[in-house]
Protein backbone atom coordinates (compact mmCIF):
# COMPACT_ATOMS: atom_id res chain seq x y z
CA UNK A 1 -32.71 25.99 11.20
CA UNK A 2 -32.20 23.52 8.37
CA UNK A 3 -30.92 20.05 9.22
CA UNK A 4 -27.47 19.52 7.72
CA UNK A 5 -27.20 15.78 8.37
CA UNK A 6 -30.16 13.44 8.59
CA UNK A 7 -29.86 10.89 11.37
CA UNK A 8 -29.74 7.24 10.38
CA UNK A 9 -31.64 5.38 13.04
CA UNK A 10 -30.54 1.97 11.82
CA UNK A 11 -26.88 2.93 12.00
CA UNK A 12 -26.99 4.75 15.30
CA UNK A 13 -29.68 2.88 17.17
CA UNK A 14 -30.79 4.06 20.58
CA UNK A 15 -27.85 4.21 22.96
CA UNK A 16 -28.57 2.94 26.46
CA UNK A 17 -28.88 5.45 29.24
CA UNK A 18 -25.63 5.91 31.09
CA UNK A 19 -24.55 7.82 34.14
CA UNK A 20 -21.12 9.27 34.63
CA UNK A 21 -18.20 8.23 32.47
CA UNK A 22 -18.27 4.77 30.97
CA UNK A 23 -15.32 2.57 31.85
CA UNK A 24 -13.05 1.85 28.95
CA UNK A 25 -11.93 -1.77 28.70
CA UNK A 26 -8.35 -2.50 27.78
CA UNK A 27 -7.66 -3.66 24.25
CA UNK A 28 -6.53 -7.31 24.21
CA UNK A 29 -2.96 -7.92 23.17
CA UNK A 30 -2.86 -10.12 20.06
CA UNK A 31 -0.49 -13.06 19.72
CA UNK A 32 2.73 -12.54 17.83
CA UNK A 33 2.19 -12.91 14.08
CA UNK A 34 3.21 -16.19 12.53
CA UNK A 35 6.11 -15.79 10.08
CA UNK A 36 4.81 -15.64 6.53
CA UNK A 37 1.36 -14.29 7.45
CA UNK A 38 0.05 -10.96 6.26
CA UNK A 39 -0.80 -9.52 9.68
CA UNK A 40 1.90 -6.89 9.32
CA UNK A 41 0.73 -5.77 5.89
CA UNK A 42 -3.07 -5.71 6.18
CA UNK A 43 -3.86 -2.56 8.12
CA UNK A 44 -6.90 -0.53 9.03
CA UNK A 45 -6.95 2.90 7.39
CA UNK A 46 -7.91 5.83 9.63
CA UNK A 47 -6.96 8.77 7.40
CA UNK A 48 -10.66 9.29 6.60
CA UNK A 49 -11.22 10.44 10.18
CA UNK A 50 -9.42 13.70 9.47
CA UNK A 51 -9.85 13.96 5.69
CA UNK A 52 -13.62 13.50 5.47
CA UNK A 53 -16.22 16.24 5.56
CA UNK A 54 -18.71 16.21 8.43
CA UNK A 55 -21.40 14.58 6.29
CA UNK A 56 -19.04 11.92 4.92
CA UNK A 57 -17.65 11.17 8.37
CA UNK A 58 -21.12 10.64 9.85
CA UNK A 59 -21.91 8.17 7.06
CA UNK A 60 -18.57 6.36 7.50
CA UNK A 61 -19.08 5.98 11.25
CA UNK A 62 -22.59 4.64 10.66
CA UNK A 63 -21.18 2.09 8.21
CA UNK A 64 -18.70 0.85 10.81
CA UNK A 65 -21.43 0.55 13.46
CA UNK A 66 -23.72 -1.31 11.04
CA UNK A 67 -20.95 -3.67 9.90
CA UNK A 68 -19.79 -4.57 13.41
CA UNK A 69 -23.20 -4.93 15.00
CA UNK A 70 -23.82 -8.66 15.46
CA UNK A 71 -20.56 -9.47 13.66
CA UNK A 72 -19.20 -12.66 15.23
CA UNK A 73 -15.69 -11.77 14.08
CA UNK A 74 -15.77 -8.88 16.57
CA UNK A 75 -17.56 -10.19 19.68
CA UNK A 76 -16.40 -7.56 22.21
CA UNK A 77 -15.69 -4.24 20.50
CA UNK A 78 -13.54 -1.80 22.45
CA UNK A 79 -14.93 0.81 22.87
CA UNK A 80 -18.47 -0.55 22.71
CA UNK A 81 -20.60 0.19 19.68
CA UNK A 82 -23.16 1.84 21.99
CA UNK A 83 -20.49 4.29 23.14
CA UNK A 84 -19.53 5.08 19.56
CA UNK A 85 -23.17 5.45 18.54
CA UNK A 86 -23.83 7.86 21.42
CA UNK A 87 -20.84 10.00 20.44
CA UNK A 88 -22.07 10.00 16.87
CA UNK A 89 -25.47 11.31 17.96
CA UNK A 90 -23.78 14.18 19.80
CA UNK A 91 -21.63 14.91 16.76
CA UNK A 92 -24.62 14.94 14.40
CA UNK A 93 -26.48 17.31 16.72
CA UNK A 94 -23.49 19.64 16.89
CA UNK A 95 -23.16 19.66 13.10
CA UNK A 96 -26.85 20.37 12.64
CA UNK A 97 -26.63 23.23 15.13
CA UNK A 98 -23.82 24.97 13.27
CA UNK A 99 -24.31 28.64 12.61
CA UNK A 100 -21.86 31.47 12.23
CA UNK A 101 -21.13 31.66 15.93
CA UNK A 102 -17.80 30.64 17.34
CA UNK A 103 -19.47 28.72 20.15
CA UNK A 104 -21.29 26.42 17.71
CA UNK A 105 -18.08 25.74 15.81
CA UNK A 106 -16.25 24.88 19.03
CA UNK A 107 -19.00 22.45 20.04
CA UNK A 108 -18.85 20.77 16.64
CA UNK A 109 -15.04 20.51 16.81
CA UNK A 110 -15.17 19.00 20.30
CA UNK A 111 -17.83 16.49 19.28
CA UNK A 112 -15.86 15.51 16.17
CA UNK A 113 -12.67 15.07 18.17
CA UNK A 114 -14.46 12.86 20.70
CA UNK A 115 -16.04 10.55 18.13
CA UNK A 116 -12.90 10.26 15.98
CA UNK A 117 -10.85 9.28 19.03
CA UNK A 118 -13.34 6.52 19.75
CA UNK A 119 -13.04 5.37 16.12
CA UNK A 120 -9.26 5.32 16.40
CA UNK A 121 -9.52 3.10 19.48
CA UNK A 122 -12.04 0.88 17.69
CA UNK A 123 -9.67 0.66 14.70
CA UNK A 124 -6.96 -0.68 17.03
CA UNK A 125 -9.36 -3.33 18.27
CA UNK A 126 -10.24 -4.32 14.69
CA UNK A 127 -6.56 -4.40 13.71
CA UNK A 128 -5.74 -6.77 16.59
CA UNK A 129 -8.81 -8.94 16.19
CA UNK A 130 -8.71 -9.47 12.42
CA UNK A 131 -5.10 -10.73 12.76
CA UNK A 132 -4.24 -9.86 9.19
CA UNK A 133 -7.32 -11.46 7.64
CA UNK A 134 -8.39 -9.15 4.81
CA UNK A 135 -11.97 -10.41 4.64
CA UNK A 136 -12.46 -9.92 8.38
CA UNK A 137 -11.04 -6.42 8.21
CA UNK A 138 -13.32 -5.46 5.34
CA UNK A 139 -16.24 -6.91 7.28
CA UNK A 140 -15.67 -4.34 10.00
CA UNK A 141 -16.69 -1.46 7.76
CA UNK A 142 -13.28 0.17 8.10
CA UNK A 143 -11.31 0.86 4.93
CA UNK A 144 -8.01 -0.91 4.29
CA UNK A 145 -4.75 0.99 4.25
CA UNK A 146 -2.97 0.81 0.93
CA UNK A 147 0.33 -1.06 1.28
CA UNK A 148 3.41 1.09 1.07
CA UNK A 149 5.88 0.45 -1.71
CA UNK A 150 9.11 -0.78 -0.23
CA UNK A 151 12.50 -0.79 -1.93
CA UNK A 152 13.28 -3.96 -3.80
CA UNK A 153 16.42 -5.77 -2.70
CA UNK A 154 19.47 -6.30 -4.86
CA UNK A 155 18.42 -7.69 -8.21
CA UNK A 156 19.53 -11.03 -9.56
CA UNK A 157 21.64 -11.02 -12.71
CA UNK A 158 19.62 -10.92 -15.95
CA UNK A 159 18.90 -14.33 -17.45
CA UNK A 160 18.89 -15.89 -20.93
CA UNK A 161 21.31 -13.49 -22.58
CA UNK A 162 21.51 -14.08 -26.33
CA UNK A 163 22.88 -12.57 -29.53
CA UNK A 164 21.47 -12.74 -33.03
CA UNK A 165 22.55 -11.30 -36.35
CA UNK A 166 21.32 -7.95 -37.55
CA UNK A 167 20.23 -7.05 -41.06
CA UNK A 168 22.92 -4.39 -41.02
CA UNK A 169 26.56 -5.31 -41.52
CA UNK A 170 28.78 -4.91 -38.45
CA UNK A 171 25.91 -5.12 -35.98
CA UNK A 172 24.55 -7.67 -33.50
CA UNK A 173 21.28 -7.64 -31.59
CA UNK A 174 21.61 -8.43 -27.88
CA UNK A 175 18.69 -9.36 -25.66
CA UNK A 176 17.92 -10.80 -22.22
CA UNK A 177 14.79 -11.67 -20.28
CA UNK A 178 12.97 -8.71 -18.76
CA UNK A 179 13.78 -8.54 -15.05
CA UNK A 180 10.92 -7.45 -12.75
CA UNK A 181 11.71 -4.26 -10.82
CA UNK A 182 14.67 -3.41 -13.05
CA UNK A 183 14.87 0.31 -13.83
CA UNK A 184 17.63 0.09 -16.45
CA UNK A 185 20.06 -2.30 -18.14
CA UNK A 186 23.73 -1.81 -18.91
CA UNK A 187 25.48 -3.82 -21.58
CA UNK A 188 29.14 -4.51 -22.24
CA UNK A 189 30.92 -6.43 -24.99
CA UNK A 190 34.38 -7.61 -25.95
CA UNK A 191 36.00 -9.79 -28.59
CA UNK A 192 36.82 -13.39 -27.79
CA UNK A 193 40.44 -12.58 -28.63
CA UNK A 194 40.54 -9.99 -25.80
CA UNK A 195 37.69 -11.03 -23.52
CA UNK A 196 38.72 -8.79 -20.62
CA UNK A 197 38.83 -5.57 -22.66
CA UNK A 198 35.21 -4.60 -22.27
CA UNK A 199 33.40 -1.80 -24.07
CA UNK A 200 30.78 -0.65 -21.60
CA UNK A 201 27.67 1.06 -22.96
CA UNK A 202 25.42 3.65 -21.36
CA UNK A 203 22.41 2.23 -19.48
CA UNK A 204 19.19 1.81 -21.43
CA UNK A 205 15.60 1.28 -20.29
CA UNK A 206 14.96 -1.86 -22.35
CA UNK A 207 16.21 -5.44 -22.09
CA UNK A 208 17.69 -5.31 -25.59
CA UNK A 209 20.26 -3.28 -27.50
CA UNK A 210 21.98 -3.13 -30.89
CA UNK A 211 25.77 -3.42 -30.84
CA UNK A 212 27.18 -1.27 -33.63
CA UNK A 213 30.49 -0.64 -35.42
CA UNK A 214 31.66 -4.22 -34.94
CA UNK A 215 34.37 -5.88 -37.01
CA UNK A 216 32.97 -8.39 -39.48
CA UNK A 217 34.20 -11.95 -39.01
CA UNK A 218 35.07 -11.35 -35.36
CA UNK A 219 33.49 -13.25 -32.49
CA UNK A 220 32.01 -11.05 -29.79
CA UNK A 221 30.97 -11.83 -26.22
CA UNK A 222 28.27 -9.79 -24.45
CA UNK A 223 27.04 -9.44 -20.86
CA UNK A 224 24.42 -7.29 -19.13
CA UNK A 225 23.52 -6.14 -15.64
CA UNK A 226 20.36 -4.56 -14.27
CA UNK A 227 19.80 -1.56 -12.01
CA UNK A 228 17.11 -1.40 -9.32
CA UNK A 229 16.34 0.79 -6.33
CA UNK A 230 19.35 -0.57 -4.48
CA UNK A 231 21.98 -0.49 -7.16
CA UNK A 232 23.11 -2.92 -9.80
CA UNK A 233 22.96 -6.66 -10.08
CA UNK A 234 25.93 -8.86 -10.89
CA UNK A 235 26.91 -9.17 -14.53
CA UNK A 236 25.04 -11.87 -16.36
CA UNK A 237 26.38 -14.93 -18.07
CA UNK A 238 27.84 -14.45 -21.56
CA UNK A 239 26.54 -14.93 -25.06
CA UNK A 240 28.86 -15.21 -28.07
CA UNK A 241 28.32 -14.71 -31.79
CA UNK A 242 30.30 -13.66 -34.87
CA UNK A 243 29.56 -10.28 -36.41
CA UNK A 244 28.63 -10.57 -40.09
C-alpha cells in the first residue's frame, strides 16, 4: 500500500509511553482584559481544522507542534504537545491505511476527530496565554482569525463645506471633505432670502455636486449630510456664494 502522508519526525517527535488515559489539566483562566487592549480582537483561527484536507491538516498540526516546542511564551501547553503529537501519529497511520473499506474510513474519521479536538483545546490555551499579543499568537503556529467588520456608529457631519463658481452660468460647485465610512452624501440648498425653504437633492456617492438651474445674482446657501451603515449624520455647517 502506498504511503499517503510521509511522517515528519521533527514535528511529531517520539511520544512518551503512556498507560491508560492521560489526565487533562484545566486551562488557566486569564485575567480580565485591560480596556483599550486588543485581547478581544486578536483571535486564534480554528476553521482550518475542518476545512483542510488530511495532508494539509497533518502539516498544520506539525507546524503548531514545532512552533510551540521550547517556546517560552507557552510554558505549559494544555493539552501537552506530547499528547497532540501522539494523536497526530495515530491520525497519520489511519490516513495511510485508507482503502475503499468503510472500516478504514471510520478509523480515519475517528482519528481526525480526536486530534482536531486536542487542537481546539490547545487553541484555547494559546488564546488565553497570548493575551491579545499578535506576535505571541503568530509564534504559536496557529493562524490568526480575520477581524470581523462591525457596523460604524453614527457619522459626524461632513466638514469644510464650500462653494465655488462654475464655468456654466446659473451653476455652483459644492464640495466637502470626504468622510471615512460614508456610503453616500445628500445635499440641500436654499437662497439667503428664504434660508428655510430647502431644495433637497437625491443622494450621491461623491463628496461633491453641481447645483444647477440657479438664479444669477442670487446668494445661495448649501449644506450636506452623510449616510453610513447606521443612518445619516447631522447636516453640516453652511457655505454661501452668489450664482453668476
